[in-house]
Amino acid sequence: MARQPTCGAGLAHNAAVPAKLADVAGTLARNLDAHIPALDLDDPDAAREHDVYERLGDRLRRAAAELEVAGAEMAAARDLPMGRHDMAAITTPEVLEAFEDYVAAEGELHALLGVRLADDRAMLAAIREAVSGAGAG
């Protein structure tokens, strides 16, 4: 007999979202950290940039940690037994709007990442070329 989907299974299925957001936030923080040593702290603008990068790196690492915890908790809910639901309460305009907003946000993130991915791949190629050129000298 096929197992009925449960809210716990739904949580586990969606755990990939905060987990991947954590990965993106954490690696963005790592990229900011990697940029910091290039800053000449004798230059006031570079010193300000340094402070911003450090502050943002800390914030992104904290956000990533919270997202990782949320994703792990969602994944662990896989076997959460299905509780009784009031179907009238789950089929309201507010519930529909909340899910529509979530799906719209997913679509916007997908579009944003599609554009950024092309730009970032081009920058990555330029950095790879600079790194390999520096090693050849």
N, C-alpha and C. Protein backbone atom coordinates (compact mmCIF):
# COMPACT_ATOMS: atom_id res chain seq x y z
N MET A 1 0.85 -1.17 0.00
CA MET A 1 0.00 0.00 0.00
C MET A 1 0.90 1.24 0.00
N ALA A 2 0.60 2.18 -0.87
CA ALA A 2 1.38 3.42 -0.97
C ALA A 2 1.18 4.26 0.28
N ARG A 3 2.29 4.83 0.74
CA ARG A 3 2.25 5.67 1.94
C ARG A 3 1.72 7.05 1.59
N GLN A 4 0.78 7.56 2.37
CA GLN A 4 0.23 8.89 2.16
C GLN A 4 1.28 9.92 2.53
N PRO A 5 1.41 10.99 1.71
CA PRO A 5 2.35 12.04 2.08
C PRO A 5 1.90 12.73 3.37
N THR A 6 2.87 13.09 4.17
CA THR A 6 2.57 13.76 5.44
C THR A 6 3.23 15.13 5.43
N CYS A 7 2.85 15.95 6.39
CA CYS A 7 3.50 17.26 6.52
C CYS A 7 4.98 17.07 6.86
N GLY A 8 5.30 16.04 7.63
CA GLY A 8 6.70 15.76 7.95
C GLY A 8 7.49 15.43 6.70
N ALA A 9 6.89 14.64 5.81
CA ALA A 9 7.56 14.32 4.54
C ALA A 9 7.72 15.58 3.70
N GLY A 10 6.73 16.46 3.76
CA GLY A 10 6.82 17.73 3.04
C GLY A 10 7.93 18.61 3.59
N LEU A 11 8.05 18.64 4.91
CA LEU A 11 9.15 19.40 5.52
C LEU A 11 10.49 18.84 5.08
N ALA A 12 10.62 17.53 5.12
CA ALA A 12 11.88 16.90 4.72
C ALA A 12 12.19 17.19 3.25
N HIS A 13 11.17 17.14 2.41
CA HIS A 13 11.35 17.42 0.98
C HIS A 13 11.85 18.85 0.78
N ASN A 14 11.34 19.78 1.54
CA ASN A 14 11.71 21.19 1.41
C ASN A 14 12.98 21.56 2.18
N ALA A 15 13.56 20.63 2.92
CA ALA A 15 14.78 20.91 3.69
C ALA A 15 15.93 21.33 2.80
N ALA A 16 15.90 20.93 1.55
CA ALA A 16 16.97 21.29 0.62
C ALA A 16 17.04 22.81 0.41
N VAL A 17 15.91 23.50 0.55
CA VAL A 17 15.90 24.94 0.31
C VAL A 17 16.75 25.68 1.33
N PRO A 18 16.47 25.57 2.64
CA PRO A 18 17.35 26.28 3.58
C PRO A 18 18.78 25.73 3.57
N ALA A 19 18.94 24.45 3.30
CA ALA A 19 20.29 23.88 3.26
C ALA A 19 21.11 24.53 2.14
N LYS A 20 20.53 24.68 0.96
CA LYS A 20 21.26 25.29 -0.15
C LYS A 20 21.44 26.79 0.07
N LEU A 21 20.44 27.46 0.65
CA LEU A 21 20.60 28.87 0.98
C LEU A 21 21.74 29.05 1.98
N ALA A 22 21.87 28.12 2.93
CA ALA A 22 22.98 28.17 3.89
C ALA A 22 24.31 28.04 3.16
N ASP A 23 24.37 27.13 2.19
CA ASP A 23 25.59 26.93 1.42
C ASP A 23 25.96 28.20 0.66
N VAL A 24 24.97 28.82 0.02
CA VAL A 24 25.23 30.04 -0.73
C VAL A 24 25.69 31.16 0.20
N ALA A 25 25.00 31.34 1.33
CA ALA A 25 25.38 32.40 2.28
C ALA A 25 26.77 32.15 2.85
N GLY A 26 27.06 30.92 3.18
CA GLY A 26 28.37 30.59 3.74
C GLY A 26 29.50 30.79 2.75
N THR A 27 29.28 30.40 1.49
CA THR A 27 30.35 30.57 0.51
C THR A 27 30.49 32.03 0.08
N LEU A 28 29.40 32.79 0.15
CA LEU A 28 29.51 34.23 -0.10
C LEU A 28 30.36 34.88 0.99
N ALA A 29 30.14 34.48 2.24
CA ALA A 29 30.97 35.00 3.35
C ALA A 29 32.43 34.63 3.13
N ARG A 30 32.68 33.42 2.68
CA ARG A 30 34.06 32.98 2.42
C ARG A 30 34.71 33.81 1.32
N ASN A 31 33.92 34.16 0.30
CA ASN A 31 34.44 35.01 -0.77
C ASN A 31 34.77 36.41 -0.27
N LEU A 32 33.94 36.95 0.62
CA LEU A 32 34.24 38.25 1.21
C LEU A 32 35.54 38.16 2.01
N ASP A 33 35.68 37.09 2.78
CA ASP A 33 36.90 36.89 3.58
C ASP A 33 38.13 36.82 2.68
N ALA A 34 38.00 36.15 1.54
CA ALA A 34 39.14 35.99 0.63
C ALA A 34 39.53 37.31 -0.02
N HIS A 35 38.60 38.23 -0.11
CA HIS A 35 38.85 39.55 -0.71
C HIS A 35 39.59 40.48 0.25
N ILE A 36 39.41 40.29 1.54
CA ILE A 36 39.93 41.21 2.55
C ILE A 36 41.45 41.38 2.48
N PRO A 37 42.25 40.32 2.32
CA PRO A 37 43.71 40.53 2.31
C PRO A 37 44.21 41.44 1.17
N ALA A 38 43.40 41.62 0.14
CA ALA A 38 43.82 42.47 -0.98
C ALA A 38 43.66 43.95 -0.67
N LEU A 39 43.00 44.28 0.44
CA LEU A 39 42.71 45.68 0.76
C LEU A 39 43.89 46.35 1.45
N ASP A 40 44.25 47.51 0.95
CA ASP A 40 45.33 48.33 1.53
C ASP A 40 44.71 49.18 2.63
N LEU A 41 44.92 48.80 3.88
CA LEU A 41 44.27 49.47 5.00
C LEU A 41 44.80 50.88 5.25
N ASP A 42 45.86 51.27 4.56
CA ASP A 42 46.33 52.66 4.64
C ASP A 42 45.42 53.60 3.84
N ASP A 43 44.65 53.02 2.94
CA ASP A 43 43.69 53.79 2.15
C ASP A 43 42.36 53.83 2.91
N PRO A 44 41.82 55.02 3.21
CA PRO A 44 40.58 55.12 3.99
C PRO A 44 39.40 54.40 3.34
N ASP A 45 39.30 54.45 2.01
CA ASP A 45 38.19 53.74 1.35
C ASP A 45 38.34 52.23 1.49
N ALA A 46 39.55 51.74 1.37
CA ALA A 46 39.80 50.31 1.53
C ALA A 46 39.55 49.89 2.98
N ALA A 47 39.89 50.75 3.93
CA ALA A 47 39.63 50.44 5.35
C ALA A 47 38.13 50.33 5.60
N ARG A 48 37.35 51.22 4.99
CA ARG A 48 35.88 51.14 5.14
C ARG A 48 35.35 49.87 4.48
N GLU A 49 35.88 49.56 3.32
CA GLU A 49 35.47 48.33 2.62
C GLU A 49 35.79 47.11 3.50
N HIS A 50 36.96 47.11 4.11
CA HIS A 50 37.37 46.03 5.02
C HIS A 50 36.34 45.85 6.13
N ASP A 51 35.95 46.95 6.76
CA ASP A 51 34.98 46.87 7.86
C ASP A 51 33.64 46.33 7.39
N VAL A 52 33.20 46.78 6.23
CA VAL A 52 31.91 46.30 5.69
C VAL A 52 32.00 44.81 5.38
N TYR A 53 33.09 44.38 4.74
CA TYR A 53 33.24 42.97 4.38
C TYR A 53 33.29 42.09 5.64
N GLU A 54 33.99 42.54 6.66
CA GLU A 54 34.04 41.76 7.90
C GLU A 54 32.66 41.65 8.53
N ARG A 55 31.95 42.77 8.60
CA ARG A 55 30.62 42.78 9.21
C ARG A 55 29.65 41.89 8.42
N LEU A 56 29.67 42.04 7.10
CA LEU A 56 28.77 41.24 6.28
C LEU A 56 29.13 39.75 6.32
N GLY A 57 30.42 39.45 6.34
CA GLY A 57 30.84 38.05 6.45
C GLY A 57 30.32 37.42 7.73
N ASP A 58 30.41 38.15 8.84
CA ASP A 58 29.88 37.65 10.11
C ASP A 58 28.38 37.41 10.03
N ARG A 59 27.66 38.37 9.47
CA ARG A 59 26.20 38.24 9.35
C ARG A 59 25.83 37.04 8.47
N LEU A 60 26.52 36.91 7.36
CA LEU A 60 26.23 35.80 6.45
C LEU A 60 26.53 34.45 7.09
N ARG A 61 27.63 34.37 7.86
CA ARG A 61 27.94 33.11 8.54
C ARG A 61 26.87 32.76 9.57
N ARG A 62 26.39 33.77 10.31
CA ARG A 62 25.32 33.51 11.29
C ARG A 62 24.04 33.08 10.58
N ALA A 63 23.70 33.75 9.50
CA ALA A 63 22.50 33.37 8.74
C ALA A 63 22.65 31.94 8.20
N ALA A 64 23.82 31.63 7.69
CA ALA A 64 24.06 30.28 7.16
C ALA A 64 23.91 29.23 8.26
N ALA A 65 24.42 29.52 9.43
CA ALA A 65 24.30 28.57 10.54
C ALA A 65 22.83 28.34 10.91
N GLU A 66 22.05 29.40 10.97
CA GLU A 66 20.62 29.27 11.28
C GLU A 66 19.89 28.50 10.19
N LEU A 67 20.22 28.77 8.94
CA LEU A 67 19.58 28.04 7.84
C LEU A 67 19.96 26.56 7.86
N GLU A 68 21.21 26.26 8.20
CA GLU A 68 21.63 24.86 8.30
C GLU A 68 20.82 24.14 9.38
N VAL A 69 20.64 24.79 10.53
CA VAL A 69 19.88 24.19 11.62
C VAL A 69 18.43 23.97 11.18
N ALA A 70 17.84 24.96 10.52
CA ALA A 70 16.46 24.83 10.06
C ALA A 70 16.34 23.68 9.06
N GLY A 71 17.28 23.61 8.12
CA GLY A 71 17.24 22.52 7.14
C GLY A 71 17.37 21.16 7.79
N ALA A 72 18.27 21.05 8.75
CA ALA A 72 18.45 19.77 9.44
C ALA A 72 17.20 19.39 10.23
N GLU A 73 16.58 20.37 10.87
CA GLU A 73 15.36 20.10 11.63
C GLU A 73 14.22 19.68 10.70
N MET A 74 14.15 20.33 9.55
CA MET A 74 13.13 19.95 8.58
C MET A 74 13.36 18.53 8.07
N ALA A 75 14.61 18.19 7.76
CA ALA A 75 14.92 16.85 7.28
C ALA A 75 14.61 15.80 8.34
N ALA A 76 14.86 16.14 9.59
CA ALA A 76 14.60 15.19 10.69
C ALA A 76 13.11 14.98 10.93
N ALA A 77 12.28 15.84 10.38
CA ALA A 77 10.83 15.72 10.59
C ALA A 77 10.18 14.73 9.63
N ARG A 78 10.99 14.07 8.81
CA ARG A 78 10.47 13.15 7.79
C ARG A 78 9.42 12.19 8.35
N ASP A 79 9.64 11.62 9.50
CA ASP A 79 8.73 10.62 10.07
C ASP A 79 7.74 11.20 11.06
N LEU A 80 7.61 12.53 11.06
CA LEU A 80 6.62 13.17 11.91
C LEU A 80 5.24 12.63 11.55
N PRO A 81 4.53 12.09 12.54
CA PRO A 81 3.21 11.53 12.21
C PRO A 81 2.25 12.64 11.76
N MET A 82 1.34 12.27 10.88
CA MET A 82 0.35 13.21 10.36
C MET A 82 -0.66 13.51 11.45
N GLY A 83 -0.72 14.77 11.81
CA GLY A 83 -1.71 15.20 12.79
C GLY A 83 -3.04 15.53 12.11
N ARG A 84 -4.05 15.64 12.92
CA ARG A 84 -5.38 16.00 12.40
C ARG A 84 -5.35 17.45 11.92
N HIS A 85 -5.92 17.70 10.77
CA HIS A 85 -5.96 19.04 10.19
C HIS A 85 -7.41 19.49 10.01
N ASP A 86 -7.64 20.75 10.22
CA ASP A 86 -8.93 21.37 9.91
C ASP A 86 -8.83 21.83 8.47
N MET A 87 -9.44 21.11 7.55
CA MET A 87 -9.31 21.41 6.13
C MET A 87 -9.87 22.78 5.78
N ALA A 88 -10.86 23.25 6.53
CA ALA A 88 -11.40 24.59 6.27
C ALA A 88 -10.34 25.65 6.61
N ALA A 89 -9.53 25.39 7.62
CA ALA A 89 -8.49 26.35 8.02
C ALA A 89 -7.29 26.32 7.09
N ILE A 90 -7.08 25.20 6.42
CA ILE A 90 -5.91 25.08 5.53
C ILE A 90 -6.26 25.47 4.09
N THR A 91 -7.51 25.72 3.83
CA THR A 91 -7.95 26.09 2.48
C THR A 91 -8.58 27.48 2.49
N THR A 92 -7.83 28.42 3.05
CA THR A 92 -8.30 29.81 3.14
C THR A 92 -7.54 30.68 2.15
N PRO A 93 -8.08 31.85 1.86
CA PRO A 93 -7.33 32.77 0.99
C PRO A 93 -5.96 33.13 1.57
N GLU A 94 -5.83 33.20 2.88
CA GLU A 94 -4.54 33.53 3.51
C GLU A 94 -3.51 32.42 3.26
N VAL A 95 -3.95 31.17 3.35
CA VAL A 95 -3.04 30.05 3.09
C VAL A 95 -2.65 30.04 1.62
N LEU A 96 -3.62 30.27 0.75
CA LEU A 96 -3.33 30.34 -0.68
C LEU A 96 -2.35 31.46 -0.98
N GLU A 97 -2.56 32.62 -0.40
CA GLU A 97 -1.67 33.77 -0.63
C GLU A 97 -0.26 33.49 -0.13
N ALA A 98 -0.15 32.86 1.03
CA ALA A 98 1.16 32.54 1.58
C ALA A 98 1.92 31.60 0.64
N PHE A 99 1.22 30.60 0.10
CA PHE A 99 1.89 29.66 -0.81
C PHE A 99 2.19 30.33 -2.15
N GLU A 100 1.28 31.17 -2.64
CA GLU A 100 1.56 31.91 -3.86
C GLU A 100 2.80 32.79 -3.70
N ASP A 101 2.90 33.44 -2.55
CA ASP A 101 4.08 34.29 -2.29
C ASP A 101 5.36 33.46 -2.26
N TYR A 102 5.30 32.26 -1.68
CA TYR A 102 6.46 31.39 -1.62
C TYR A 102 6.88 30.96 -3.02
N VAL A 103 5.90 30.54 -3.83
CA VAL A 103 6.20 30.11 -5.20
C VAL A 103 6.75 31.28 -6.01
N ALA A 104 6.21 32.48 -5.82
CA ALA A 104 6.72 33.66 -6.52
C ALA A 104 8.15 33.96 -6.10
N ALA A 105 8.44 33.86 -4.80
CA ALA A 105 9.80 34.10 -4.31
C ALA A 105 10.76 33.07 -4.88
N GLU A 106 10.34 31.81 -4.98
CA GLU A 106 11.18 30.78 -5.61
C GLU A 106 11.49 31.16 -7.06
N GLY A 107 10.47 31.61 -7.78
CA GLY A 107 10.66 32.00 -9.18
C GLY A 107 11.60 33.19 -9.31
N GLU A 108 11.45 34.16 -8.42
CA GLU A 108 12.34 35.33 -8.44
C GLU A 108 13.77 34.94 -8.13
N LEU A 109 13.95 34.05 -7.16
CA LEU A 109 15.30 33.57 -6.83
C LEU A 109 15.90 32.82 -8.01
N HIS A 110 15.10 31.99 -8.64
CA HIS A 110 15.57 31.23 -9.80
C HIS A 110 16.03 32.18 -10.90
N ALA A 111 15.23 33.21 -11.19
CA ALA A 111 15.59 34.17 -12.23
C ALA A 111 16.85 34.95 -11.84
N LEU A 112 16.93 35.39 -10.60
CA LEU A 112 18.09 36.13 -10.12
C LEU A 112 19.35 35.29 -10.26
N LEU A 113 19.28 34.06 -9.80
CA LEU A 113 20.45 33.20 -9.86
C LEU A 113 20.84 32.88 -11.29
N GLY A 114 19.87 32.77 -12.19
CA GLY A 114 20.18 32.51 -13.59
C GLY A 114 21.02 33.63 -14.19
N VAL A 115 20.65 34.87 -13.92
CA VAL A 115 21.39 36.02 -14.42
C VAL A 115 22.76 36.10 -13.74
N ARG A 116 22.77 35.97 -12.43
CA ARG A 116 24.02 36.09 -11.68
C ARG A 116 24.98 34.97 -12.05
N LEU A 117 24.46 33.78 -12.31
CA LEU A 117 25.33 32.65 -12.63
C LEU A 117 26.13 32.93 -13.90
N ALA A 118 25.48 33.49 -14.90
CA ALA A 118 26.21 33.80 -16.14
C ALA A 118 27.30 34.83 -15.86
N ASP A 119 26.97 35.88 -15.11
CA ASP A 119 27.96 36.90 -14.78
C ASP A 119 29.10 36.33 -13.94
N ASP A 120 28.74 35.53 -12.94
CA ASP A 120 29.76 34.97 -12.05
C ASP A 120 30.66 33.97 -12.77
N ARG A 121 30.09 33.22 -13.71
CA ARG A 121 30.93 32.29 -14.48
C ARG A 121 31.95 33.05 -15.32
N ALA A 122 31.53 34.18 -15.88
CA ALA A 122 32.46 35.00 -16.66
C ALA A 122 33.57 35.55 -15.76
N MET A 123 33.21 36.01 -14.56
CA MET A 123 34.22 36.52 -13.63
C MET A 123 35.14 35.38 -13.18
N LEU A 124 34.57 34.21 -12.95
CA LEU A 124 35.38 33.06 -12.55
C LEU A 124 36.40 32.71 -13.63
N ALA A 125 35.98 32.76 -14.88
CA ALA A 125 36.92 32.47 -15.98
C ALA A 125 38.05 33.49 -16.01
N ALA A 126 37.72 34.76 -15.78
CA ALA A 126 38.75 35.81 -15.76
C ALA A 126 39.72 35.60 -14.60
N ILE A 127 39.20 35.21 -13.45
CA ILE A 127 40.06 34.98 -12.28
C ILE A 127 40.95 33.76 -12.52
N ARG A 128 40.37 32.70 -13.09
CA ARG A 128 41.17 31.50 -13.41
C ARG A 128 42.31 31.86 -14.35
N GLU A 129 42.00 32.68 -15.35
CA GLU A 129 43.02 33.08 -16.30
C GLU A 129 44.12 33.88 -15.62
N ALA A 130 43.74 34.79 -14.73
CA ALA A 130 44.73 35.61 -14.01
C ALA A 130 45.58 34.74 -13.09
N VAL A 131 44.95 33.77 -12.43
CA VAL A 131 45.69 32.88 -11.52
C VAL A 131 46.65 32.00 -12.31
N SER A 132 46.19 31.45 -13.42
CA SER A 132 47.09 30.59 -14.20
C SER A 132 48.19 31.41 -14.86
N GLY A 133 47.90 32.65 -15.23
CA GLY A 133 48.93 33.53 -15.79
C GLY A 133 49.96 33.92 -14.75
N ALA A 134 49.53 34.11 -13.51
CA ALA A 134 50.45 34.49 -12.42
C ALA A 134 51.37 33.31 -12.09
N GLY A 135 50.86 32.10 -12.23
CA GLY A 135 51.68 30.93 -11.93
C GLY A 135 52.69 30.62 -13.01
N ALA A 136 52.44 31.14 -14.22
CA ALA A 136 53.34 30.85 -15.34
C ALA A 136 54.60 31.74 -15.31
N GLY A 137 54.54 32.86 -14.52
CA GLY A 137 55.67 33.80 -14.53
C GLY A 137 56.69 33.47 -13.58
